[in-house]
Amino acid sequence: MVVLGIGNVLWADEGFGVRCVEALQQRWAFDEGGEEVQLVDGGTQGLYLIQHVQAASKLLIFDAIDYGLPPGTLKLIENDEVPRFMGAKKMSLHQTGFQEVLMLAQLTEQYPEQVLLIGCQPQELEDYGGSLRPIVKTALEDALALGLDRLRAWGAKPLPRDAAPAHDEAVTVPTLALGAYEAGRPAAEQACRVGDERFLPR
């Protein structure tokens, strides 16, 4: 089975899915006595993720989704509803690309037996270099609990880690890991967070 986090960590709550997979790996390992689990930081790779979807018997997806609900609200979508739902109201190009991945997997008849999308309503997207907002960080904890429950139901055996994995084993590039990313952000006076003022509407 595959756990896939998609999104763009450079745009605040857009990084929700990637941060979920990162936190899952930091805190949990998977006993070899259970079903094998592959954790994937899908970022914004779009069609390059097709191999992971086609190879998965069961697929768990974390992503920031605009449901039109209060920020931090989680919503679960399953199986055939997932590709249709991801195409209904796109926030960014990565969702267009991933909807195509799911549809291509269906066309090639290499589609997972079970698919669960755990989506979170974002609060803020227009903050380049920003991190998850507090309400979305809180939702991440609930999303992980829901994801772990489903992985257990699918036959995985998650075990709490004694220590985080080594950098060369991490699903997220170390410089973009949550702690380093937040600590390294320059002040607003040093780095524009909304775009080049020369190109902003007047």
N, C-alpha and C. Protein backbone atom coordinates (compact mmCIF):
# COMPACT_ATOMS: atom_id res chain seq x y z
N MET A 1 0.84 -1.19 0.00
CA MET A 1 0.00 0.00 0.00
C MET A 1 0.88 1.24 0.00
N VAL A 2 0.32 2.33 -0.49
CA VAL A 2 1.07 3.58 -0.65
C VAL A 2 0.36 4.70 0.11
N VAL A 3 1.15 5.48 0.83
CA VAL A 3 0.66 6.71 1.47
C VAL A 3 1.31 7.87 0.73
N LEU A 4 0.48 8.73 0.16
CA LEU A 4 0.95 9.78 -0.72
C LEU A 4 0.53 11.15 -0.20
N GLY A 5 1.50 12.02 0.01
CA GLY A 5 1.21 13.40 0.39
C GLY A 5 1.49 14.29 -0.80
N ILE A 6 0.51 15.08 -1.23
CA ILE A 6 0.73 15.96 -2.36
C ILE A 6 0.46 17.40 -1.96
N GLY A 7 1.10 18.32 -2.69
CA GLY A 7 0.95 19.74 -2.39
C GLY A 7 2.28 20.46 -2.49
N ASN A 8 2.24 21.75 -2.24
CA ASN A 8 3.41 22.61 -2.38
C ASN A 8 3.72 23.26 -1.04
N VAL A 9 4.82 22.83 -0.40
CA VAL A 9 5.15 23.33 0.94
C VAL A 9 5.53 24.80 0.92
N LEU A 10 5.80 25.37 -0.25
CA LEU A 10 6.22 26.77 -0.33
C LEU A 10 5.06 27.75 -0.18
N TRP A 11 3.82 27.26 -0.24
CA TRP A 11 2.65 28.14 -0.18
C TRP A 11 1.77 27.78 1.01
N ALA A 12 2.32 27.97 2.19
CA ALA A 12 1.55 27.86 3.44
C ALA A 12 0.76 26.55 3.52
N ASP A 13 -0.57 26.63 3.65
CA ASP A 13 -1.39 25.44 3.88
C ASP A 13 -1.44 24.50 2.68
N GLU A 14 -0.94 24.94 1.53
CA GLU A 14 -0.84 24.05 0.38
C GLU A 14 0.06 22.86 0.68
N GLY A 15 0.91 22.98 1.66
CA GLY A 15 1.84 21.90 2.01
C GLY A 15 1.27 20.86 2.93
N PHE A 16 0.00 20.93 3.25
CA PHE A 16 -0.61 20.02 4.23
C PHE A 16 -0.32 18.55 3.94
N GLY A 17 -0.53 18.12 2.73
CA GLY A 17 -0.37 16.70 2.40
C GLY A 17 1.05 16.22 2.60
N VAL A 18 2.00 17.01 2.14
CA VAL A 18 3.41 16.65 2.30
C VAL A 18 3.79 16.61 3.78
N ARG A 19 3.30 17.58 4.54
CA ARG A 19 3.62 17.61 5.98
C ARG A 19 3.02 16.40 6.70
N CYS A 20 1.89 15.90 6.24
CA CYS A 20 1.31 14.71 6.87
C CYS A 20 2.21 13.50 6.68
N VAL A 21 2.70 13.30 5.46
CA VAL A 21 3.57 12.15 5.19
C VAL A 21 4.89 12.30 5.94
N GLU A 22 5.40 13.52 5.99
CA GLU A 22 6.64 13.78 6.73
C GLU A 22 6.46 13.42 8.20
N ALA A 23 5.38 13.89 8.82
CA ALA A 23 5.13 13.61 10.24
C ALA A 23 4.91 12.13 10.48
N LEU A 24 4.21 11.48 9.56
CA LEU A 24 3.96 10.04 9.69
C LEU A 24 5.28 9.27 9.74
N GLN A 25 6.20 9.62 8.86
CA GLN A 25 7.49 8.93 8.84
C GLN A 25 8.33 9.27 10.07
N GLN A 26 8.27 10.52 10.52
CA GLN A 26 9.06 10.93 11.68
C GLN A 26 8.64 10.19 12.94
N ARG A 27 7.35 9.85 13.03
CA ARG A 27 6.82 9.32 14.29
C ARG A 27 6.56 7.82 14.27
N TRP A 28 6.39 7.25 13.08
CA TRP A 28 5.95 5.86 12.99
C TRP A 28 6.80 5.04 12.04
N ALA A 29 7.03 3.80 12.41
CA ALA A 29 7.62 2.80 11.52
C ALA A 29 6.55 1.73 11.31
N PHE A 30 6.79 0.83 10.38
CA PHE A 30 5.79 -0.19 10.07
C PHE A 30 6.41 -1.58 10.19
N ASP A 31 5.82 -2.37 11.09
CA ASP A 31 6.31 -3.70 11.38
C ASP A 31 6.25 -4.58 10.13
N GLU A 32 7.32 -5.35 9.94
CA GLU A 32 7.38 -6.22 8.76
C GLU A 32 6.33 -7.31 8.80
N GLY A 33 5.73 -7.54 9.97
CA GLY A 33 4.68 -8.55 10.06
C GLY A 33 3.35 -8.10 9.47
N GLY A 34 3.23 -6.81 9.16
CA GLY A 34 2.01 -6.29 8.55
C GLY A 34 2.20 -6.05 7.07
N GLU A 35 1.18 -5.49 6.44
CA GLU A 35 1.27 -5.13 5.03
C GLU A 35 2.36 -4.07 4.83
N GLU A 36 3.08 -4.18 3.73
CA GLU A 36 4.14 -3.21 3.44
C GLU A 36 3.54 -1.85 3.13
N VAL A 37 4.15 -0.80 3.66
CA VAL A 37 3.68 0.56 3.46
C VAL A 37 4.81 1.40 2.86
N GLN A 38 4.52 2.06 1.75
CA GLN A 38 5.48 2.96 1.12
C GLN A 38 4.99 4.39 1.31
N LEU A 39 5.84 5.25 1.87
CA LEU A 39 5.51 6.66 2.07
C LEU A 39 6.13 7.47 0.95
N VAL A 40 5.32 8.35 0.33
CA VAL A 40 5.78 9.11 -0.82
C VAL A 40 5.46 10.59 -0.65
N ASP A 41 6.50 11.42 -0.74
CA ASP A 41 6.31 12.87 -0.83
C ASP A 41 6.08 13.18 -2.30
N GLY A 42 4.80 13.34 -2.67
CA GLY A 42 4.46 13.55 -4.07
C GLY A 42 4.61 14.98 -4.53
N GLY A 43 4.72 15.92 -3.58
CA GLY A 43 4.90 17.32 -3.94
C GLY A 43 3.91 17.76 -5.00
N THR A 44 4.45 18.29 -6.09
CA THR A 44 3.61 18.75 -7.22
C THR A 44 4.00 17.99 -8.48
N GLN A 45 4.37 16.73 -8.36
CA GLN A 45 4.92 15.97 -9.47
C GLN A 45 3.91 15.56 -10.53
N GLY A 46 2.63 15.61 -10.22
CA GLY A 46 1.62 15.32 -11.23
C GLY A 46 1.77 13.94 -11.85
N LEU A 47 1.88 13.88 -13.18
CA LEU A 47 1.89 12.61 -13.90
C LEU A 47 3.06 11.71 -13.52
N TYR A 48 4.11 12.27 -12.92
CA TYR A 48 5.23 11.44 -12.51
C TYR A 48 4.85 10.49 -11.37
N LEU A 49 3.68 10.71 -10.78
CA LEU A 49 3.24 9.85 -9.67
C LEU A 49 2.47 8.63 -10.16
N ILE A 50 2.29 8.48 -11.45
CA ILE A 50 1.47 7.39 -11.98
C ILE A 50 1.99 6.03 -11.54
N GLN A 51 3.31 5.85 -11.50
CA GLN A 51 3.86 4.54 -11.13
C GLN A 51 3.47 4.16 -9.71
N HIS A 52 3.42 5.14 -8.81
CA HIS A 52 3.06 4.84 -7.43
C HIS A 52 1.59 4.44 -7.31
N VAL A 53 0.74 5.11 -8.06
CA VAL A 53 -0.69 4.80 -8.02
C VAL A 53 -0.95 3.43 -8.64
N GLN A 54 -0.33 3.16 -9.77
CA GLN A 54 -0.54 1.89 -10.44
C GLN A 54 -0.02 0.71 -9.62
N ALA A 55 1.01 0.93 -8.84
CA ALA A 55 1.60 -0.15 -8.06
C ALA A 55 0.89 -0.40 -6.74
N ALA A 56 0.00 0.50 -6.36
CA ALA A 56 -0.64 0.41 -5.03
C ALA A 56 -1.86 -0.49 -5.06
N SER A 57 -1.94 -1.40 -4.11
CA SER A 57 -3.18 -2.16 -3.91
C SER A 57 -4.18 -1.30 -3.14
N LYS A 58 -3.64 -0.49 -2.23
CA LYS A 58 -4.45 0.44 -1.44
C LYS A 58 -3.70 1.76 -1.39
N LEU A 59 -4.43 2.87 -1.53
CA LEU A 59 -3.81 4.19 -1.65
C LEU A 59 -4.45 5.16 -0.67
N LEU A 60 -3.62 5.74 0.20
CA LEU A 60 -4.06 6.77 1.14
C LEU A 60 -3.43 8.09 0.70
N ILE A 61 -4.26 9.11 0.48
CA ILE A 61 -3.79 10.41 -0.01
C ILE A 61 -4.09 11.47 1.03
N PHE A 62 -3.09 12.31 1.31
CA PHE A 62 -3.29 13.51 2.13
C PHE A 62 -3.12 14.71 1.21
N ASP A 63 -4.04 15.69 1.32
CA ASP A 63 -3.93 16.88 0.47
C ASP A 63 -4.75 18.02 1.09
N ALA A 64 -4.37 19.24 0.72
CA ALA A 64 -5.20 20.41 1.06
C ALA A 64 -6.24 20.55 -0.03
N ILE A 65 -7.52 20.59 0.37
CA ILE A 65 -8.62 20.63 -0.59
C ILE A 65 -9.57 21.76 -0.21
N ASP A 66 -9.99 22.54 -1.20
CA ASP A 66 -10.97 23.60 -0.94
C ASP A 66 -12.37 23.03 -1.01
N TYR A 67 -12.90 22.70 0.16
CA TYR A 67 -14.25 22.17 0.27
C TYR A 67 -15.28 23.29 0.46
N GLY A 68 -14.81 24.53 0.67
CA GLY A 68 -15.72 25.60 1.01
C GLY A 68 -16.20 25.50 2.45
N LEU A 69 -15.40 24.89 3.30
CA LEU A 69 -15.75 24.67 4.70
C LEU A 69 -14.85 25.54 5.60
N PRO A 70 -15.11 25.60 6.89
CA PRO A 70 -14.24 26.37 7.78
C PRO A 70 -12.81 25.84 7.74
N PRO A 71 -11.81 26.72 7.84
CA PRO A 71 -10.42 26.29 7.80
C PRO A 71 -10.12 25.21 8.84
N GLY A 72 -9.34 24.23 8.42
CA GLY A 72 -8.96 23.13 9.31
C GLY A 72 -9.92 21.97 9.30
N THR A 73 -11.05 22.11 8.59
CA THR A 73 -12.02 21.01 8.53
C THR A 73 -11.47 19.88 7.67
N LEU A 74 -11.58 18.66 8.18
CA LEU A 74 -11.17 17.47 7.44
C LEU A 74 -12.38 16.82 6.78
N LYS A 75 -12.15 16.29 5.60
CA LYS A 75 -13.21 15.57 4.90
C LYS A 75 -12.59 14.35 4.24
N LEU A 76 -13.27 13.22 4.34
CA LEU A 76 -12.78 11.98 3.78
C LEU A 76 -13.60 11.61 2.53
N ILE A 77 -12.89 11.31 1.46
CA ILE A 77 -13.50 10.90 0.20
C ILE A 77 -12.90 9.54 -0.17
N GLU A 78 -13.73 8.64 -0.68
CA GLU A 78 -13.24 7.29 -0.92
C GLU A 78 -13.50 6.80 -2.34
N ASN A 79 -12.59 5.94 -2.78
CA ASN A 79 -12.71 5.13 -3.99
C ASN A 79 -13.06 5.93 -5.24
N ASP A 80 -14.14 5.59 -5.94
CA ASP A 80 -14.42 6.22 -7.23
C ASP A 80 -14.73 7.70 -7.13
N GLU A 81 -15.08 8.17 -5.93
CA GLU A 81 -15.38 9.58 -5.76
C GLU A 81 -14.11 10.45 -5.78
N VAL A 82 -12.96 9.85 -5.51
CA VAL A 82 -11.73 10.64 -5.35
C VAL A 82 -11.35 11.39 -6.62
N PRO A 83 -11.20 10.73 -7.79
CA PRO A 83 -10.80 11.52 -8.97
C PRO A 83 -11.83 12.56 -9.37
N ARG A 84 -13.11 12.23 -9.22
CA ARG A 84 -14.16 13.20 -9.57
C ARG A 84 -14.11 14.40 -8.63
N PHE A 85 -13.87 14.14 -7.35
CA PHE A 85 -13.87 15.22 -6.38
C PHE A 85 -12.67 16.14 -6.57
N MET A 86 -11.51 15.56 -6.88
CA MET A 86 -10.31 16.38 -7.03
C MET A 86 -10.40 17.30 -8.24
N GLY A 87 -11.26 16.96 -9.18
CA GLY A 87 -11.43 17.81 -10.35
C GLY A 87 -12.53 18.83 -10.21
N ALA A 88 -13.27 18.79 -9.09
CA ALA A 88 -14.44 19.65 -8.96
C ALA A 88 -14.08 21.10 -8.69
N LYS A 89 -13.11 21.33 -7.82
CA LYS A 89 -12.75 22.70 -7.44
C LYS A 89 -11.26 22.76 -7.16
N LYS A 90 -10.48 23.06 -8.16
CA LYS A 90 -9.03 22.99 -8.05
C LYS A 90 -8.48 24.27 -7.42
N MET A 91 -7.50 24.09 -6.55
CA MET A 91 -6.81 25.24 -5.96
C MET A 91 -5.52 25.53 -6.69
N SER A 92 -4.93 24.49 -7.28
CA SER A 92 -3.61 24.67 -7.88
C SER A 92 -3.39 23.64 -8.97
N LEU A 93 -2.32 23.81 -9.73
CA LEU A 93 -2.04 22.93 -10.85
C LEU A 93 -1.77 21.50 -10.42
N HIS A 94 -1.25 21.29 -9.19
CA HIS A 94 -0.93 19.92 -8.81
C HIS A 94 -2.19 19.06 -8.74
N GLN A 95 -3.35 19.68 -8.44
CA GLN A 95 -4.57 18.89 -8.38
C GLN A 95 -5.03 18.49 -9.78
N THR A 96 -4.84 19.38 -10.75
CA THR A 96 -5.16 19.01 -12.12
C THR A 96 -4.32 17.81 -12.53
N GLY A 97 -3.01 17.88 -12.27
CA GLY A 97 -2.12 16.80 -12.64
C GLY A 97 -2.46 15.50 -11.95
N PHE A 98 -2.82 15.57 -10.67
CA PHE A 98 -3.09 14.33 -9.95
C PHE A 98 -4.43 13.74 -10.33
N GLN A 99 -5.40 14.55 -10.67
CA GLN A 99 -6.66 14.01 -11.18
C GLN A 99 -6.39 13.20 -12.44
N GLU A 100 -5.51 13.69 -13.30
CA GLU A 100 -5.16 12.97 -14.52
C GLU A 100 -4.45 11.65 -14.20
N VAL A 101 -3.61 11.65 -13.17
CA VAL A 101 -2.95 10.42 -12.74
C VAL A 101 -3.97 9.36 -12.37
N LEU A 102 -4.95 9.75 -11.57
CA LEU A 102 -5.97 8.79 -11.14
C LEU A 102 -6.79 8.28 -12.32
N MET A 103 -7.13 9.17 -13.22
CA MET A 103 -7.93 8.76 -14.38
C MET A 103 -7.12 7.85 -15.31
N LEU A 104 -5.82 8.14 -15.46
CA LEU A 104 -4.97 7.29 -16.29
C LEU A 104 -4.83 5.91 -15.68
N ALA A 105 -4.69 5.85 -14.37
CA ALA A 105 -4.61 4.55 -13.69
C ALA A 105 -5.89 3.74 -13.92
N GLN A 106 -7.04 4.42 -13.92
CA GLN A 106 -8.30 3.74 -14.21
C GLN A 106 -8.34 3.22 -15.64
N LEU A 107 -7.89 4.05 -16.57
CA LEU A 107 -7.90 3.66 -17.99
C LEU A 107 -6.99 2.47 -18.26
N THR A 108 -5.87 2.41 -17.55
CA THR A 108 -4.93 1.30 -17.75
C THR A 108 -5.30 0.08 -16.91
N GLU A 109 -6.40 0.18 -16.19
CA GLU A 109 -6.89 -0.91 -15.33
C GLU A 109 -5.84 -1.33 -14.30
N GLN A 110 -5.09 -0.35 -13.85
CA GLN A 110 -4.13 -0.56 -12.76
C GLN A 110 -4.45 0.44 -11.66
N TYR A 111 -5.65 0.33 -11.14
CA TYR A 111 -6.15 1.26 -10.13
C TYR A 111 -6.23 0.54 -8.80
N PRO A 112 -5.88 1.22 -7.70
CA PRO A 112 -5.92 0.56 -6.38
C PRO A 112 -7.31 0.00 -6.05
N GLU A 113 -7.31 -1.08 -5.28
CA GLU A 113 -8.58 -1.66 -4.83
C GLU A 113 -9.32 -0.71 -3.89
N GLN A 114 -8.55 0.01 -3.08
CA GLN A 114 -9.12 0.94 -2.11
C GLN A 114 -8.36 2.26 -2.19
N VAL A 115 -9.10 3.37 -2.17
CA VAL A 115 -8.48 4.70 -2.17
C VAL A 115 -9.18 5.55 -1.11
N LEU A 116 -8.40 6.21 -0.29
CA LEU A 116 -8.95 7.16 0.69
C LEU A 116 -8.21 8.47 0.56
N LEU A 117 -8.95 9.54 0.35
CA LEU A 117 -8.40 10.90 0.36
C LEU A 117 -8.78 11.57 1.67
N ILE A 118 -7.79 11.98 2.45
CA ILE A 118 -8.03 12.78 3.65
C ILE A 118 -7.62 14.21 3.29
N GLY A 119 -8.61 15.05 3.11
CA GLY A 119 -8.36 16.43 2.69
C GLY A 119 -8.63 17.40 3.81
N CYS A 120 -7.89 18.49 3.80
CA CYS A 120 -8.05 19.53 4.83
C CYS A 120 -8.34 20.86 4.16
N GLN A 121 -9.34 21.56 4.67
CA GLN A 121 -9.65 22.89 4.19
C GLN A 121 -8.54 23.86 4.62
N PRO A 122 -7.85 24.50 3.68
CA PRO A 122 -6.78 25.43 4.06
C PRO A 122 -7.32 26.74 4.59
N GLN A 123 -6.48 27.44 5.33
CA GLN A 123 -6.82 28.79 5.78
C GLN A 123 -6.11 29.83 4.92
N GLU A 124 -4.83 29.58 4.61
CA GLU A 124 -4.03 30.57 3.90
C GLU A 124 -3.18 29.90 2.83
N LEU A 125 -3.26 30.41 1.62
CA LEU A 125 -2.43 29.92 0.52
C LEU A 125 -1.51 31.00 -0.02
N GLU A 126 -1.93 32.25 0.06
CA GLU A 126 -1.16 33.35 -0.53
C GLU A 126 -0.09 33.86 0.41
N ASP A 127 0.84 32.98 0.75
CA ASP A 127 1.93 33.34 1.66
C ASP A 127 3.16 32.56 1.23
N TYR A 128 3.88 33.08 0.26
CA TYR A 128 5.05 32.38 -0.28
C TYR A 128 6.14 32.25 0.78
N GLY A 129 6.58 31.03 1.00
CA GLY A 129 7.58 30.78 2.04
C GLY A 129 6.96 30.56 3.41
N GLY A 130 5.64 30.65 3.48
CA GLY A 130 4.96 30.46 4.76
C GLY A 130 4.75 28.99 5.08
N SER A 131 4.37 28.72 6.32
CA SER A 131 4.15 27.36 6.77
C SER A 131 2.67 27.15 7.09
N LEU A 132 2.34 25.97 7.56
CA LEU A 132 0.96 25.67 7.93
C LEU A 132 0.48 26.62 9.02
N ARG A 133 -0.74 27.08 8.88
CA ARG A 133 -1.35 27.89 9.92
C ARG A 133 -1.70 27.01 11.12
N PRO A 134 -1.76 27.59 12.33
CA PRO A 134 -2.00 26.78 13.53
C PRO A 134 -3.22 25.87 13.43
N ILE A 135 -4.31 26.36 12.85
CA ILE A 135 -5.51 25.53 12.79
C ILE A 135 -5.32 24.34 11.87
N VAL A 136 -4.49 24.50 10.85
CA VAL A 136 -4.22 23.39 9.93
C VAL A 136 -3.21 22.43 10.55
N LYS A 137 -2.28 22.95 11.36
CA LYS A 137 -1.37 22.06 12.09
C LYS A 137 -2.15 21.18 13.06
N THR A 138 -3.15 21.75 13.69
CA THR A 138 -3.99 20.96 14.59
C THR A 138 -4.74 19.88 13.81
N ALA A 139 -5.26 20.26 12.66
CA ALA A 139 -5.98 19.30 11.81
C ALA A 139 -5.06 18.19 11.34
N LEU A 140 -3.78 18.50 11.15
CA LEU A 140 -2.82 17.48 10.73
C LEU A 140 -2.78 16.34 11.75
N GLU A 141 -2.84 16.66 13.02
CA GLU A 141 -2.81 15.61 14.05
C GLU A 141 -4.02 14.69 13.91
N ASP A 142 -5.18 15.28 13.69
CA ASP A 142 -6.39 14.47 13.51
C ASP A 142 -6.31 13.66 12.22
N ALA A 143 -5.75 14.26 11.17
CA ALA A 143 -5.61 13.55 9.90
C ALA A 143 -4.70 12.33 10.05
N LEU A 144 -3.61 12.50 10.79
CA LEU A 144 -2.71 11.36 11.02
C LEU A 144 -3.43 10.24 11.76
N ALA A 145 -4.22 10.59 12.75
CA ALA A 145 -4.95 9.57 13.51
C ALA A 145 -5.91 8.81 12.60
N LEU A 146 -6.62 9.55 11.74
CA LEU A 146 -7.54 8.91 10.80
C LEU A 146 -6.78 8.03 9.82
N GLY A 147 -5.65 8.53 9.33
CA GLY A 147 -4.85 7.75 8.40
C GLY A 147 -4.31 6.48 9.03
N LEU A 148 -3.82 6.56 10.25
CA LEU A 148 -3.30 5.38 10.94
C LEU A 148 -4.40 4.35 11.17
N ASP A 149 -5.59 4.82 11.52
CA ASP A 149 -6.72 3.89 11.70
C ASP A 149 -7.00 3.13 10.41
N ARG A 150 -6.97 3.84 9.28
CA ARG A 150 -7.25 3.17 8.02
C ARG A 150 -6.12 2.22 7.62
N LEU A 151 -4.88 2.61 7.86
CA LEU A 151 -3.76 1.73 7.55
C LEU A 151 -3.83 0.44 8.37
N ARG A 152 -4.21 0.57 9.63
CA ARG A 152 -4.38 -0.63 10.46
C ARG A 152 -5.50 -1.52 9.90
N ALA A 153 -6.60 -0.89 9.48
CA ALA A 153 -7.71 -1.66 8.92
C ALA A 153 -7.30 -2.37 7.63
N TRP A 154 -6.35 -1.77 6.91
CA TRP A 154 -5.86 -2.37 5.67
C TRP A 154 -4.78 -3.43 5.91
N GLY A 155 -4.36 -3.61 7.15
CA GLY A 155 -3.42 -4.67 7.46
C GLY A 155 -2.02 -4.22 7.82
N ALA A 156 -1.77 -2.92 7.89
CA ALA A 156 -0.47 -2.42 8.31
C ALA A 156 -0.35 -2.48 9.82
N LYS A 157 0.90 -2.49 10.30
CA LYS A 157 1.15 -2.52 11.73
C LYS A 157 2.09 -1.38 12.10
N PRO A 158 1.54 -0.17 12.27
CA PRO A 158 2.39 0.97 12.65
C PRO A 158 2.88 0.86 14.09
N LEU A 159 4.15 1.20 14.28
CA LEU A 159 4.77 1.19 15.60
C LEU A 159 5.42 2.54 15.86
N PRO A 160 5.24 3.11 17.06
CA PRO A 160 5.90 4.40 17.37
C PRO A 160 7.41 4.27 17.25
N ARG A 161 8.04 5.26 16.65
CA ARG A 161 9.50 5.27 16.51
C ARG A 161 10.16 5.73 17.81
N ASP A 162 11.31 5.15 18.09
CA ASP A 162 12.13 5.64 19.20
C ASP A 162 12.91 6.88 18.78
N ALA A 163 13.25 6.96 17.49
CA ALA A 163 14.01 8.09 16.97
C ALA A 163 13.59 8.32 15.52
N ALA A 164 13.72 9.57 15.09
CA ALA A 164 13.37 9.91 13.71
C ALA A 164 14.33 9.22 12.74
N PRO A 165 13.90 8.96 11.51
CA PRO A 165 14.79 8.34 10.54
C PRO A 165 15.97 9.25 10.19
N ALA A 166 17.04 8.65 9.70
CA ALA A 166 18.20 9.42 9.27
C ALA A 166 17.83 10.30 8.09
N HIS A 167 18.60 11.38 7.89
CA HIS A 167 18.30 12.32 6.80
C HIS A 167 18.21 11.65 5.45
N ASP A 168 19.10 10.66 5.21
CA ASP A 168 19.10 10.03 3.90
C ASP A 168 17.94 9.06 3.70
N GLU A 169 17.16 8.82 4.76
CA GLU A 169 15.98 7.98 4.66
C GLU A 169 14.69 8.81 4.62
N ALA A 170 14.81 10.10 4.89
CA ALA A 170 13.62 10.94 5.03
C ALA A 170 12.90 11.12 3.69
N VAL A 171 11.58 11.13 3.73
CA VAL A 171 10.80 11.33 2.51
C VAL A 171 10.89 12.78 2.03
N THR A 172 11.13 13.70 2.97
CA THR A 172 11.23 15.12 2.63
C THR A 172 12.69 15.55 2.64
N VAL A 173 13.07 16.37 1.67
CA VAL A 173 14.43 16.91 1.62
C VAL A 173 14.71 17.62 2.96
N PRO A 174 15.82 17.32 3.62
CA PRO A 174 16.08 17.89 4.96
C PRO A 174 15.94 19.41 5.05
N THR A 175 16.36 20.13 4.02
CA THR A 175 16.26 21.59 4.07
C THR A 175 14.82 22.08 4.01
N LEU A 176 13.90 21.22 3.53
CA LEU A 176 12.49 21.58 3.47
C LEU A 176 11.66 20.94 4.58
N ALA A 177 12.31 20.16 5.44
CA ALA A 177 11.60 19.59 6.58
C ALA A 177 11.01 20.71 7.43
N LEU A 178 9.91 20.44 8.07
CA LEU A 178 9.12 21.49 8.72
C LEU A 178 9.94 22.39 9.64
N GLY A 179 10.73 21.80 10.54
CA GLY A 179 11.50 22.61 11.48
C GLY A 179 12.50 23.51 10.81
N ALA A 180 13.27 22.96 9.88
CA ALA A 180 14.29 23.75 9.18
C ALA A 180 13.64 24.81 8.31
N TYR A 181 12.54 24.45 7.69
CA TYR A 181 11.83 25.37 6.80
C TYR A 181 11.31 26.58 7.56
N GLU A 182 10.69 26.34 8.71
CA GLU A 182 10.15 27.44 9.50
C GLU A 182 11.25 28.29 10.12
N ALA A 183 12.32 27.64 10.58
CA ALA A 183 13.41 28.38 11.23
C ALA A 183 14.19 29.23 10.24
N GLY A 184 14.22 28.82 8.99
CA GLY A 184 15.04 29.52 8.01
C GLY A 184 14.33 30.60 7.23
N ARG A 185 13.08 30.87 7.57
CA ARG A 185 12.33 31.87 6.81
C ARG A 185 12.79 33.28 7.16
N PRO A 186 13.17 34.09 6.17
CA PRO A 186 13.57 35.47 6.47
C PRO A 186 12.36 36.32 6.85
N ALA A 187 12.63 37.44 7.48
CA ALA A 187 11.56 38.36 7.87
C ALA A 187 10.88 38.94 6.64
N ALA A 188 9.66 39.41 6.81
CA ALA A 188 8.91 39.97 5.69
C ALA A 188 9.61 41.17 5.07
N GLU A 189 10.37 41.91 5.88
CA GLU A 189 11.09 43.07 5.37
C GLU A 189 12.22 42.66 4.42
N GLN A 190 12.67 41.43 4.54
CA GLN A 190 13.77 40.95 3.72
C GLN A 190 13.32 40.18 2.48
N ALA A 191 12.13 39.60 2.54
CA ALA A 191 11.67 38.76 1.43
C ALA A 191 10.19 38.99 1.20
N CYS A 192 9.84 39.36 -0.02
CA CYS A 192 8.43 39.58 -0.37
C CYS A 192 7.64 38.29 -0.24
N ARG A 193 6.43 38.40 0.28
CA ARG A 193 5.61 37.21 0.52
C ARG A 193 4.37 37.14 -0.36
N VAL A 194 4.12 38.15 -1.15
CA VAL A 194 2.89 38.16 -1.96
C VAL A 194 3.16 38.31 -3.44
N GLY A 195 4.38 38.58 -3.86
CA GLY A 195 4.69 38.76 -5.27
C GLY A 195 5.45 40.05 -5.50
N ASP A 196 6.03 40.16 -6.67
CA ASP A 196 6.80 41.35 -7.04
C ASP A 196 5.86 42.52 -7.22
N GLU A 197 6.07 43.60 -6.45
CA GLU A 197 5.17 44.75 -6.47
C GLU A 197 5.09 45.40 -7.84
N ARG A 198 6.12 45.19 -8.69
CA ARG A 198 6.08 45.75 -10.05
C ARG A 198 4.99 45.13 -10.90
N PHE A 199 4.53 43.92 -10.49
CA PHE A 199 3.54 43.21 -11.30
C PHE A 199 2.20 43.05 -10.59
N LEU A 200 2.07 43.62 -9.43
CA LEU A 200 0.81 43.53 -8.70
C LEU A 200 -0.19 44.55 -9.27
N PRO A 201 -1.48 44.23 -9.28
CA PRO A 201 -2.47 45.19 -9.78
C PRO A 201 -2.51 46.44 -8.91
N ARG A 202 -2.71 47.56 -9.55
CA ARG A 202 -2.75 48.83 -8.82
C ARG A 202 -4.18 49.18 -8.47
